C-alpha atoms as a PDB file:
ATOM      1  CA  MET A   1      28.382 -49.258 -30.155  1.00  0.00           C
ATOM      2  CA  LYS A   2      29.408 -52.154 -32.384  1.00  0.00           C
ATOM      3  CA  ARG A   3      30.066 -54.217 -29.267  1.00  0.00           C
ATOM      4  CA  LEU A   4      26.535 -53.555 -28.020  1.00  0.00           C
ATOM      5  CA  PHE A   5      25.103 -54.628 -31.361  1.00  0.00           C
ATOM      6  CA  TYR A   6      27.209 -57.779 -31.276  1.00  0.00           C
ATOM      7  CA  PHE A   7      26.018 -58.576 -27.765  1.00  0.00           C
ATOM      8  CA  ILE A   8      22.413 -58.626 -28.952  1.00  0.00           C
ATOM      9  CA  LEU A   9      23.319 -60.822 -31.917  1.00  0.00           C
ATOM     10  CA  LEU A  10      25.314 -63.187 -29.745  1.00  0.00           C
ATOM     11  CA  ILE A  11      22.572 -63.701 -27.206  1.00  0.00           C
ATOM     12  CA  ALA A  12      19.754 -63.919 -29.750  1.00  0.00           C
ATOM     13  CA  GLY A  13      21.343 -66.488 -32.057  1.00  0.00           C
ATOM     14  CA  PHE A  14      24.165 -67.458 -34.370  1.00  0.00           C
ATOM     15  CA  SER A  15      24.691 -68.389 -38.001  1.00  0.00           C
ATOM     16  CA  SER A  16      26.706 -71.347 -39.251  1.00  0.00           C
ATOM     17  CA  ILE A  17      27.543 -73.415 -42.292  1.00  0.00           C
ATOM     18  CA  HIS A  18      26.105 -76.457 -40.537  1.00  0.00           C
ATOM     19  CA  SER A  19      22.452 -77.453 -40.628  1.00  0.00           C
ATOM     20  CA  CYS A  20      20.598 -77.433 -37.339  1.00  0.00           C
ATOM     21  CA  LYS A  21      18.632 -80.422 -38.615  1.00  0.00           C
ATOM     22  CA  ASP A  22      21.707 -82.639 -38.245  1.00  0.00           C
ATOM     23  CA  LEU A  23      20.788 -83.786 -34.746  1.00  0.00           C
ATOM     24  CA  THR A  24      23.280 -86.626 -34.239  1.00  0.00           C
ATOM     25  CA  ASP A  25      26.508 -86.831 -32.269  1.00  0.00           C
ATOM     26  CA  GLU A  26      29.952 -87.415 -33.770  1.00  0.00           C
ATOM     27  CA  GLU A  27      29.338 -91.198 -33.753  1.00  0.00           C
ATOM     28  CA  GLY A  28      26.063 -90.762 -35.633  1.00  0.00           C
ATOM     29  CA  ASN A  29      23.843 -91.504 -32.629  1.00  0.00           C
ATOM     30  CA  PRO A  30      20.678 -89.422 -32.194  1.00  0.00           C
ATOM     31  CA  LEU A  31      21.013 -86.600 -29.692  1.00  0.00           C
ATOM     32  CA  LEU A  32      18.885 -86.685 -26.569  1.00  0.00           C
ATOM     33  CA  ASP A  33      16.594 -84.115 -24.977  1.00  0.00           C
ATOM     34  CA  LEU A  34      15.181 -83.072 -28.348  1.00  0.00           C
ATOM     35  CA  ASN A  35      12.170 -81.513 -26.644  1.00  0.00           C
ATOM     36  CA  GLU A  36      10.969 -80.668 -23.193  1.00  0.00           C
ATOM     37  CA  ASN A  37       9.111 -83.992 -22.780  1.00  0.00           C
ATOM     38  CA  THR A  38      12.167 -86.245 -23.085  1.00  0.00           C
ATOM     39  CA  GLY A  39      15.176 -86.625 -20.872  1.00  0.00           C
ATOM     40  CA  LEU A  40      18.378 -88.461 -20.111  1.00  0.00           C
ATOM     41  CA  ILE A  41      18.864 -90.483 -16.956  1.00  0.00           C
ATOM     42  CA  GLY A  42      22.419 -90.958 -15.756  1.00  0.00           C
ATOM     43  CA  PRO A  43      25.751 -89.331 -16.648  1.00  0.00           C
ATOM     44  CA  ARG A  44      25.607 -86.996 -19.627  1.00  0.00           C
ATOM     45  CA  ALA A  45      27.794 -84.733 -21.739  1.00  0.00           C
ATOM     46  CA  LEU A  46      26.922 -81.515 -23.533  1.00  0.00           C
ATOM     47  CA  SER A  47      26.975 -82.438 -27.205  1.00  0.00           C
ATOM     48  CA  ARG A  48      25.790 -79.463 -29.237  1.00  0.00           C
ATOM     49  CA  GLU A  49      24.506 -75.926 -29.102  1.00  0.00           C
ATOM     50  CA  VAL A  50      22.349 -74.967 -32.077  1.00  0.00           C
ATOM     51  CA  THR A  51      19.910 -72.257 -33.116  1.00  0.00           C
ATOM     52  CA  ASP A  52      17.351 -72.099 -35.909  1.00  0.00           C
ATOM     53  CA  PHE A  53      20.208 -70.814 -38.063  1.00  0.00           C
ATOM     54  CA  GLY A  54      22.705 -73.581 -37.376  1.00  0.00           C
ATOM     55  CA  LEU A  55      25.457 -74.900 -35.155  1.00  0.00           C
ATOM     56  CA  ILE A  56      27.185 -72.848 -32.479  1.00  0.00           C
ATOM     57  CA  ALA A  57      29.404 -75.575 -31.035  1.00  0.00           C
ATOM     58  CA  GLN A  58      29.821 -79.323 -31.292  1.00  0.00           C
ATOM     59  CA  TYR A  59      31.654 -81.025 -28.427  1.00  0.00           C
ATOM     60  CA  GLN A  60      33.591 -84.250 -28.941  1.00  0.00           C
ATOM     61  CA  TYR A  61      35.004 -86.492 -26.226  1.00  0.00           C
ATOM     62  CA  ASN A  62      37.692 -89.087 -25.694  1.00  0.00           C
ATOM     63  CA  GLY A  63      35.984 -91.240 -23.103  1.00  0.00           C
ATOM     64  CA  LEU A  64      34.983 -88.799 -20.363  1.00  0.00           C
ATOM     65  CA  LEU A  65      37.354 -86.022 -21.439  1.00  0.00           C
ATOM     66  CA  LEU A  66      36.512 -83.176 -23.797  1.00  0.00           C
ATOM     67  CA  SER A  67      38.921 -83.508 -26.734  1.00  0.00           C
ATOM     68  CA  LYS A  68      37.689 -81.290 -29.588  1.00  0.00           C
ATOM     69  CA  VAL A  69      35.219 -78.463 -30.180  1.00  0.00           C
ATOM     70  CA  ILE A  70      33.972 -77.467 -33.643  1.00  0.00           C
ATOM     71  CA  THR A  71      32.628 -73.936 -33.956  1.00  0.00           C
ATOM     72  CA  GLU A  72      31.646 -71.450 -36.671  1.00  0.00           C
ATOM     73  CA  LYS A  73      33.259 -71.716 -40.124  1.00  0.00           C
ATOM     74  CA  ALA A  74      34.530 -75.206 -39.205  1.00  0.00           C
ATOM     75  CA  SER A  75      36.970 -73.756 -36.654  1.00  0.00           C
ATOM     76  CA  MET A  76      38.655 -76.390 -34.503  1.00  0.00           C
ATOM     77  CA  THR A  77      39.737 -76.338 -30.870  1.00  0.00           C
ATOM     78  CA  ASP A  78      41.849 -79.305 -29.743  1.00  0.00           C
ATOM     79  CA  ILE A  79      42.265 -80.036 -26.029  1.00  0.00           C
ATOM     80  CA  GLU A  80      45.155 -81.984 -24.512  1.00  0.00           C
ATOM     81  CA  TRP A  81      45.119 -83.427 -21.005  1.00  0.00           C
ATOM     82  CA  SER A  82      47.752 -84.348 -18.451  1.00  0.00           C
ATOM     83  CA  GLY A  83      46.011 -86.558 -15.947  1.00  0.00           C
ATOM     84  CA  ASN A  84      42.908 -84.699 -14.773  1.00  0.00           C
ATOM     85  CA  ASN A  85      44.137 -81.275 -15.928  1.00  0.00           C
ATOM     86  CA  ILE A  86      44.047 -79.631 -19.333  1.00  0.00           C
ATOM     87  CA  SER A  87      47.647 -78.952 -20.313  1.00  0.00           C
ATOM     88  CA  LYS A  88      47.279 -77.394 -23.773  1.00  0.00           C
ATOM     89  CA  ILE A  89      44.573 -75.939 -26.007  1.00  0.00           C
ATOM     90  CA  THR A  90      45.128 -75.347 -29.722  1.00  0.00           C
ATOM     91  CA  PHE A  91      42.805 -73.328 -31.955  1.00  0.00           C
ATOM     92  CA  ASN A  92      42.756 -73.087 -35.741  1.00  0.00           C
ATOM     93  CA  GLY A  93      40.000 -71.154 -37.459  1.00  0.00           C
ATOM     94  CA  PHE A  94      38.217 -67.825 -37.463  1.00  0.00           C
ATOM     95  CA  LEU A  95      37.191 -65.377 -34.728  1.00  0.00           C
ATOM     96  CA  ASP A  96      35.579 -61.958 -34.410  1.00  0.00           C
ATOM     97  CA  LEU A  97      38.761 -60.244 -33.279  1.00  0.00           C
ATOM     98  CA  ASP A  98      37.438 -56.688 -33.660  1.00  0.00           C
ATOM     99  CA  SER A  99      34.093 -57.431 -31.946  1.00  0.00           C
ATOM    100  CA  ASP A 100      32.011 -55.955 -34.772  1.00  0.00           C
ATOM    101  CA  GLY A 101      29.536 -58.832 -34.869  1.00  0.00           C
ATOM    102  CA  THR A 102      31.049 -60.574 -37.914  1.00  0.00           C
ATOM    103  CA  ILE A 103      33.523 -63.446 -37.980  1.00  0.00           C
ATOM    104  CA  ASP A 104      36.719 -62.116 -39.557  1.00  0.00           C
ATOM    105  CA  THR A 105      38.163 -63.405 -42.804  1.00  0.00           C
ATOM    106  CA  ASP A 106      41.602 -63.437 -41.171  1.00  0.00           C
ATOM    107  CA  SER A 107      42.607 -66.920 -40.076  1.00  0.00           C
ATOM    108  CA  VAL A 108      43.765 -67.368 -36.469  1.00  0.00           C
ATOM    109  CA  SER A 109      45.991 -70.041 -34.995  1.00  0.00           C
ATOM    110  CA  TYR A 110      47.058 -70.174 -31.357  1.00  0.00           C
ATOM    111  CA  SER A 111      48.378 -72.581 -28.781  1.00  0.00           C
ATOM    112  CA  GLN A 112      47.928 -72.101 -25.040  1.00  0.00           C
ATOM    113  CA  GLN A 113      49.945 -73.803 -22.294  1.00  0.00           C
ATOM    114  CA  TYR A 114      48.171 -74.177 -18.935  1.00  0.00           C
ATOM    115  CA  THR A 115      49.975 -73.912 -15.585  1.00  0.00           C
ATOM    116  CA  TYR A 116      48.474 -74.778 -12.188  1.00  0.00           C
ATOM    117  CA  GLY A 117      49.265 -73.532  -8.682  1.00  0.00           C
ATOM    118  CA  ASN A 118      49.855 -75.431  -5.465  1.00  0.00           C
ATOM    119  CA  LEU A 119      46.129 -75.935  -4.854  1.00  0.00           C
ATOM    120  CA  GLY A 120      45.572 -77.315  -8.345  1.00  0.00           C
ATOM    121  CA  LYS A 121      43.948 -74.130  -9.639  1.00  0.00           C
ATOM    122  CA  LEU A 122      44.723 -72.726 -13.067  1.00  0.00           C
ATOM    123  CA  THR A 123      46.944 -69.694 -12.493  1.00  0.00           C
ATOM    124  CA  LEU A 124      48.758 -68.970 -15.769  1.00  0.00           C
ATOM    125  CA  ILE A 125      48.115 -69.390 -19.480  1.00  0.00           C
ATOM    126  CA  SER A 126      50.945 -68.752 -21.944  1.00  0.00           C
ATOM    127  CA  GLU A 127      49.889 -68.164 -25.536  1.00  0.00           C
ATOM    128  CA  ASN A 128      51.545 -67.977 -28.938  1.00  0.00           C
ATOM    129  CA  ARG A 129      49.228 -66.631 -31.637  1.00  0.00           C
ATOM    130  CA  THR A 130      49.532 -66.141 -35.399  1.00  0.00           C
ATOM    131  CA  ILE A 131      47.087 -64.211 -37.568  1.00  0.00           C
ATOM    132  CA  PHE A 132      47.015 -64.980 -41.275  1.00  0.00           C
ATOM    133  CA  ARG A 133      45.633 -62.503 -43.817  1.00  0.00           C
ATOM    134  CA  LYS A 134      45.078 -62.888 -47.542  1.00  0.00           C
ATOM    135  CA  ALA A 135      47.415 -60.787 -49.644  1.00  0.00           C
ATOM    136  CA  ALA A 136      45.948 -57.923 -51.677  1.00  0.00           C
ATOM    137  CA  PRO A 137      45.130 -58.694 -55.324  1.00  0.00           C
ATOM    138  CA  VAL A 138      47.869 -58.099 -57.863  1.00  0.00           C
ATOM    139  CA  PRO A 139      46.457 -55.912 -60.675  1.00  0.00           C
ATOM    140  CA  PRO A 140      44.853 -56.526 -63.060  1.00  0.00           C
ATOM    141  CA  SER A 141      43.507 -59.461 -61.020  1.00  0.00           C
ATOM    142  CA  THR A 142      40.868 -58.757 -58.371  1.00  0.00           C
ATOM    143  CA  VAL A 143      41.338 -62.110 -56.636  1.00  0.00           C
ATOM    144  CA  PRO A 144      43.117 -61.886 -53.256  1.00  0.00           C
ATOM    145  CA  GLY A 145      46.358 -63.797 -52.940  1.00  0.00           C
ATOM    146  CA  PRO A 146      47.008 -66.726 -50.597  1.00  0.00           C
ATOM    147  CA  TYR A 147      47.007 -66.438 -46.806  1.00  0.00           C
ATOM    148  CA  ALA A 148      50.261 -65.132 -45.383  1.00  0.00           C
ATOM    149  CA  VAL A 149      51.438 -64.341 -41.856  1.00  0.00           C
ATOM    150  CA  PHE A 150      50.096 -60.934 -40.844  1.00  0.00           C
ATOM    151  CA  GLU A 151      51.091 -60.833 -37.178  1.00  0.00           C
ATOM    152  CA  LYS A 152      52.587 -63.007 -34.454  1.00  0.00           C
ATOM    153  CA  THR A 153      52.053 -62.283 -30.771  1.00  0.00           C
ATOM    154  CA  LYS A 154      52.890 -63.694 -27.377  1.00  0.00           C
ATOM    155  CA  ALA A 155      50.628 -63.285 -24.363  1.00  0.00           C
ATOM    156  CA  THR A 156      50.262 -64.330 -20.745  1.00  0.00           C
ATOM    157  CA  TYR A 157      47.013 -64.583 -18.788  1.00  0.00           C
ATOM    158  CA  ASN A 158      47.262 -64.425 -14.997  1.00  0.00           C
ATOM    159  CA  LEU A 159      44.267 -65.757 -13.083  1.00  0.00           C
ATOM    160  CA  THR A 160      43.524 -64.826  -9.469  1.00  0.00           C
ATOM    161  CA  TYR A 161      40.931 -66.235  -7.085  1.00  0.00           C
ATOM    162  CA  SER A 162      39.031 -64.917  -4.089  1.00  0.00           C
ATOM    163  CA  SER A 163      40.709 -65.827  -0.801  1.00  0.00           C
ATOM    164  CA  THR A 164      37.288 -66.275   0.831  1.00  0.00           C
ATOM    165  CA  THR A 165      35.255 -68.072  -1.856  1.00  0.00           C
ATOM    166  CA  SER A 166      38.014 -69.525  -4.084  1.00  0.00           C
ATOM    167  CA  LYS A 167      36.053 -68.298  -7.113  1.00  0.00           C
ATOM    168  CA  LEU A 168      37.719 -66.722 -10.140  1.00  0.00           C
ATOM    169  CA  ALA A 169      38.356 -63.066  -9.289  1.00  0.00           C
ATOM    170  CA  SER A 170      40.273 -61.711 -12.290  1.00  0.00           C
ATOM    171  CA  ILE A 171      42.070 -62.484 -15.528  1.00  0.00           C
ATOM    172  CA  ILE A 172      44.820 -60.073 -16.570  1.00  0.00           C
ATOM    173  CA  MET A 173      46.265 -60.409 -20.054  1.00  0.00           C
ATOM    174  CA  ARG A 174      49.574 -58.927 -21.244  1.00  0.00           C
ATOM    175  CA  ARG A 175      50.428 -59.205 -24.932  1.00  0.00           C
ATOM    176  CA  GLY A 176      53.119 -58.037 -27.342  1.00  0.00           C
ATOM    177  CA  LYS A 177      54.285 -58.657 -30.889  1.00  0.00           C
ATOM    178  CA  ASP A 178      56.594 -61.652 -31.248  1.00  0.00           C
ATOM    179  CA  ILE A 179      59.622 -59.651 -32.309  1.00  0.00           C
ATOM    180  CA  THR A 180      63.090 -58.950 -30.916  1.00  0.00           C
ATOM    181  CA  PRO A 181      63.371 -57.239 -28.515  1.00  0.00           C
ATOM    182  CA  PHE A 182      60.090 -58.472 -27.065  1.00  0.00           C
ATOM    183  CA  ASN A 183      57.892 -56.191 -24.949  1.00  0.00           C
ATOM    184  CA  PHE A 184      54.348 -56.391 -23.666  1.00  0.00           C
ATOM    185  CA  THR A 185      52.428 -53.497 -25.222  1.00  0.00           C
ATOM    186  CA  ASP A 186      48.727 -54.287 -24.620  1.00  0.00           C
ATOM    187  CA  TYR A 187      46.578 -55.470 -21.752  1.00  0.00           C
ATOM    188  CA  THR A 188      43.074 -56.547 -20.829  1.00  0.00           C
ATOM    189  CA  LYS A 189      41.640 -56.819 -17.321  1.00  0.00           C
ATOM    190  CA  ALA A 190      38.517 -58.808 -16.489  1.00  0.00           C
ATOM    191  CA  THR A 191      37.118 -58.643 -12.936  1.00  0.00           C
ATOM    192  CA  TYR A 192      34.347 -60.977 -11.734  1.00  0.00           C
ATOM    193  CA  SER A 193      31.627 -60.463  -9.133  1.00  0.00           C
ATOM    194  CA  TYR A 194      29.181 -63.085  -7.877  1.00  0.00           C
ATOM    195  CA  LEU A 195      25.746 -63.518  -6.417  1.00  0.00           C
ATOM    196  CA  GLY A 196      26.015 -66.794  -4.571  1.00  0.00           C
ATOM    197  CA  ASP A 197      27.734 -69.214  -6.947  1.00  0.00           C
ATOM    198  CA  ASN A 198      26.714 -67.361 -10.102  1.00  0.00           C
ATOM    199  CA  VAL A 199      28.573 -64.601 -11.938  1.00  0.00           C
ATOM    200  CA  SER A 200      26.597 -61.390 -11.459  1.00  0.00           C
ATOM    201  CA  SER A 201      28.885 -58.958 -13.291  1.00  0.00           C
ATOM    202  CA  VAL A 202      32.114 -58.703 -15.244  1.00  0.00           C
ATOM    203  CA  THR A 203      34.068 -55.529 -15.956  1.00  0.00           C
ATOM    204  CA  LYS A 204      36.476 -55.539 -18.901  1.00  0.00           C
ATOM    205  CA  GLU A 205      39.183 -52.953 -19.550  1.00  0.00           C
ATOM    206  CA  VAL A 206      41.340 -52.891 -22.685  1.00  0.00           C
ATOM    207  CA  GLY A 207      44.378 -50.639 -22.985  1.00  0.00           C
ATOM    208  CA  LYS A 208      48.090 -50.131 -23.560  1.00  0.00           C
ATOM    209  CA  LEU A 209      51.067 -51.136 -21.433  1.00  0.00           C
ATOM    210  CA  THR A 210      54.067 -48.844 -21.030  1.00  0.00           C
ATOM    211  CA  GLY A 211      56.670 -50.995 -19.350  1.00  0.00           C
ATOM    212  CA  THR A 212      54.804 -52.257 -16.299  1.00  0.00           C
ATOM    213  CA  VAL A 213      52.339 -49.336 -16.239  1.00  0.00           C
ATOM    214  CA  PHE A 214      48.730 -49.990 -17.248  1.00  0.00           C
ATOM    215  CA  GLU A 215      47.645 -46.886 -19.175  1.00  0.00           C
ATOM    216  CA  ALA A 216      44.044 -45.616 -18.969  1.00  0.00           C
ATOM    217  CA  PRO A 217      41.743 -48.075 -20.765  1.00  0.00           C
ATOM    218  CA  VAL A 218      40.580 -47.201 -24.262  1.00  0.00           C
ATOM    219  CA  GLN A 219      37.672 -49.650 -23.945  1.00  0.00           C
ATOM    220  CA  ASN A 220      35.685 -50.287 -20.781  1.00  0.00           C
ATOM    221  CA  TYR A 221      32.563 -52.467 -20.563  1.00  0.00           C
ATOM    222  CA  ALA A 222      30.327 -53.869 -17.836  1.00  0.00           C
ATOM    223  CA  PHE A 223      28.466 -57.143 -18.366  1.00  0.00           C
ATOM    224  CA  ASP A 224      25.674 -57.954 -15.918  1.00  0.00           C
ATOM    225  CA  PHE A 225      23.746 -61.199 -15.406  1.00  0.00           C
ATOM    226  CA  SER A 226      20.665 -61.476 -13.199  1.00  0.00           C
ATOM    227  CA  SER A 227      17.385 -63.299 -12.532  1.00  0.00           C
ATOM    228  CA  TYR A 228      19.140 -66.650 -12.309  1.00  0.00           C
ATOM    229  CA  ASP A 229      17.050 -69.812 -12.286  1.00  0.00           C
ATOM    230  CA  SER A 230      17.613 -72.715  -9.878  1.00  0.00           C
ATOM    231  CA  GLN A 231      18.071 -75.380 -12.567  1.00  0.00           C
ATOM    232  CA  ILE A 232      21.289 -76.835 -14.051  1.00  0.00           C
ATOM    233  CA  SER A 233      23.273 -75.088 -16.767  1.00  0.00           C
ATOM    234  CA  GLY A 234      24.611 -77.417 -19.442  1.00  0.00           C
ATOM    235  CA  TYR A 235      27.907 -75.525 -19.244  1.00  0.00           C
ATOM    236  CA  THR A 236      28.560 -77.195 -15.883  1.00  0.00           C
ATOM    237  CA  LEU A 237      29.456 -80.267 -17.960  1.00  0.00           C
ATOM    238  CA  LEU A 238      32.399 -78.479 -19.622  1.00  0.00           C
ATOM    239  CA  PRO A 239      35.867 -78.134 -18.037  1.00  0.00           C
ATOM    240  CA  PHE A 240      36.581 -74.809 -16.332  1.00  0.00           C
ATOM    241  CA  GLU A 241      39.800 -74.403 -18.340  1.00  0.00           C
ATOM    242  CA  TYR A 242      37.973 -74.706 -21.654  1.00  0.00           C
ATOM    243  CA  LYS A 243      35.430 -72.090 -20.563  1.00  0.00           C
ATOM    244  CA  VAL A 244      38.308 -69.732 -19.711  1.00  0.00           C
ATOM    245  CA  SER A 245      39.798 -70.348 -23.158  1.00  0.00           C
ATOM    246  CA  VAL A 246      36.503 -69.204 -24.706  1.00  0.00           C
ATOM    247  CA  LEU A 247      36.528 -66.009 -22.634  1.00  0.00           C
ATOM    248  CA  ILE A 248      40.099 -65.104 -23.643  1.00  0.00           C
ATOM    249  CA  SER A 249      39.828 -66.104 -27.309  1.00  0.00           C
ATOM    250  CA  THR A 250      39.272 -62.423 -28.186  1.00  0.00           C
ATOM    251  CA  ASN A 251      39.814 -59.176 -26.298  1.00  0.00           C
ATOM    252  CA  ILE A 252      36.117 -58.823 -25.499  1.00  0.00           C
ATOM    253  CA  ASN A 253      34.155 -62.054 -25.223  1.00  0.00           C
ATOM    254  CA  ASP A 254      32.828 -61.506 -21.720  1.00  0.00           C
ATOM    255  CA  ASP A 255      29.169 -61.871 -22.636  1.00  0.00           C
ATOM    256  CA  ARG A 256      30.032 -65.590 -22.523  1.00  0.00           C
ATOM    257  CA  SER A 257      30.875 -65.344 -18.814  1.00  0.00           C
ATOM    258  CA  LEU A 258      27.517 -66.936 -18.042  1.00  0.00           C
ATOM    259  CA  MET A 259      29.335 -70.201 -18.860  1.00  0.00           C
ATOM    260  CA  LEU A 260      31.049 -69.951 -15.462  1.00  0.00           C
ATOM    261  CA  SER A 261      27.746 -70.132 -13.536  1.00  0.00           C
ATOM    262  CA  PRO A 262      26.033 -73.338 -12.353  1.00  0.00           C
ATOM    263  CA  ASN A 263      22.631 -71.775 -13.077  1.00  0.00           C
ATOM    264  CA  SER A 264      21.315 -69.727 -16.014  1.00  0.00           C
ATOM    265  CA  PRO A 265      20.529 -65.965 -16.063  1.00  0.00           C
ATOM    266  CA  LYS A 266      17.204 -64.911 -17.530  1.00  0.00           C
ATOM    267  CA  ARG A 267      18.444 -61.352 -17.960  1.00  0.00           C
ATOM    268  CA  ALA A 268      21.740 -60.042 -19.372  1.00  0.00           C
ATOM    269  CA  ALA A 269      23.018 -56.550 -20.033  1.00  0.00           C
ATOM    270  CA  VAL A 270      26.089 -54.830 -21.412  1.00  0.00           C
ATOM    271  CA  THR A 271      27.123 -51.213 -20.820  1.00  0.00           C
ATOM    272  CA  ASP A 272      29.776 -49.191 -22.626  1.00  0.00           C
ATOM    273  CA  MET A 273      31.340 -47.341 -19.699  1.00  0.00           C
ATOM    274  CA  THR A 274      33.249 -44.908 -21.940  1.00  0.00           C
ATOM    275  CA  GLN A 275      30.036 -43.175 -23.014  1.00  0.00           C
ATOM    276  CA  PRO A 276      29.181 -39.814 -21.354  1.00  0.00           C
ATOM    277  CA  VAL A 277      25.946 -41.385 -20.091  1.00  0.00           C
ATOM    278  CA  PRO A 278      26.460 -45.166 -19.871  1.00  0.00           C
ATOM    279  CA  THR A 279      23.229 -46.904 -20.897  1.00  0.00           C
ATOM    280  CA  PRO A 280      22.835 -50.682 -20.584  1.00  0.00           C
ATOM    281  CA  VAL A 281      21.536 -52.781 -23.467  1.00  0.00           C
ATOM    282  CA  VAL A 282      19.346 -55.482 -21.910  1.00  0.00           C
ATOM    283  CA  VAL A 283      18.064 -58.807 -23.242  1.00  0.00           C
ATOM    284  CA  SER A 284      15.987 -61.443 -21.455  1.00  0.00           C
ATOM    285  CA  THR A 285      14.712 -64.979 -21.982  1.00  0.00           C
ATOM    286  CA  ASN A 286      12.699 -67.824 -20.513  1.00  0.00           C
ATOM    287  CA  TYR A 287      14.314 -71.263 -20.298  1.00  0.00           C
ATOM    288  CA  ARG A 288      13.047 -74.747 -21.004  1.00  0.00           C
ATOM    289  CA  TYR A 289      14.333 -77.761 -19.076  1.00  0.00           C
ATOM    290  CA  ASP A 290      14.304 -81.521 -19.307  1.00  0.00           C
ATOM    291  CA  PRO A 291      13.005 -83.778 -16.479  1.00  0.00           C
ATOM    292  CA  GLN A 292      16.492 -83.840 -14.940  1.00  0.00           C
ATOM    293  CA  THR A 293      16.343 -79.999 -14.749  1.00  0.00           C
ATOM    294  CA  TYR A 294      19.080 -79.370 -17.341  1.00  0.00           C
ATOM    295  CA  MET A 295      18.352 -76.399 -19.571  1.00  0.00           C
ATOM    296  CA  THR A 296      17.358 -77.315 -23.125  1.00  0.00           C
ATOM    297  CA  GLN A 297      16.566 -73.870 -24.538  1.00  0.00           C
ATOM    298  CA  GLY A 298      17.262 -70.231 -23.730  1.00  0.00           C
ATOM    299  CA  PHE A 299      18.249 -67.000 -25.518  1.00  0.00           C
ATOM    300  CA  GLY A 300      17.349 -68.724 -28.798  1.00  0.00           C
ATOM    301  CA  ILE A 301      19.911 -71.486 -28.213  1.00  0.00           C
ATOM    302  CA  ASN A 302      18.979 -75.191 -28.065  1.00  0.00           C
ATOM    303  CA  TYR A 303      21.160 -77.482 -25.941  1.00  0.00           C
ATOM    304  CA  PHE A 304      21.557 -81.170 -26.758  1.00  0.00           C
ATOM    305  CA  TYR A 305      23.146 -83.893 -24.627  1.00  0.00           C
ATOM    306  CA  LYS A 306      24.391 -87.426 -25.016  1.00  0.00           C
ATOM    307  CA  PRO A 307      25.033 -90.181 -22.472  1.00  0.00           C
ATOM    308  CA  LEU A 308      28.527 -90.830 -21.177  1.00  0.00           C
END
């Protein structure tokens, strides 16, 4: 049930240490599309996502290429490119690893190497991750000690695509503790369905691996997106590989799968499939758009752009 609660929080809005009144880009230039009566003509980039509570994400670019993303609690994602492909993504900061709706106090650091197949599609992500946790206080002090390594893991993410539509069909993760001898012990499986070009549903299973055997999932969710508009989602301006990195940043982050769609869903739902009677939790919104039909507001999130 915590995941359902988090889903509502995530769609409705976010908190941040940054002020949502700081409406300039990283060079100090005013952001565009500040209301529904203004617009940007010509090439654009997604610059920020903010709510009334603060910043969700700030996107920085090196020329035309996304190079850095700043998210909650000043977390940093750095993106490296090799030609036209992302080759490596590095994250340092804080995540909601247990999906309880609160960013963890544990610090997370990971690096992901990106591998492409013969057709230029992303097929494999190899990850090394370290979680840092503050040591318990030493009596009589009640102040926690410094951050120390709590756990190191290695993981692989295998991506498959539909043979008929070439759209992302699944992401299968295998992960194990970075110890000797090394074995994969955990898995997640995400499967994607589409209505036209838009993601209509995602199923996510989380469970244990015994050798090469996927044991019965201990967590099983369905995320559904519907009532899509015909306008342009600002997420179309972000690289596919970065959007995948957001989806795999935690075991269950699939409510963000709407990022993969060229349009925007007005209705979203999540269902815990392990319940005796699965009951969807549903949220809905109306969008605002600028004159170039890019979304500027929806689900309590305001989207800001800058020219390229």
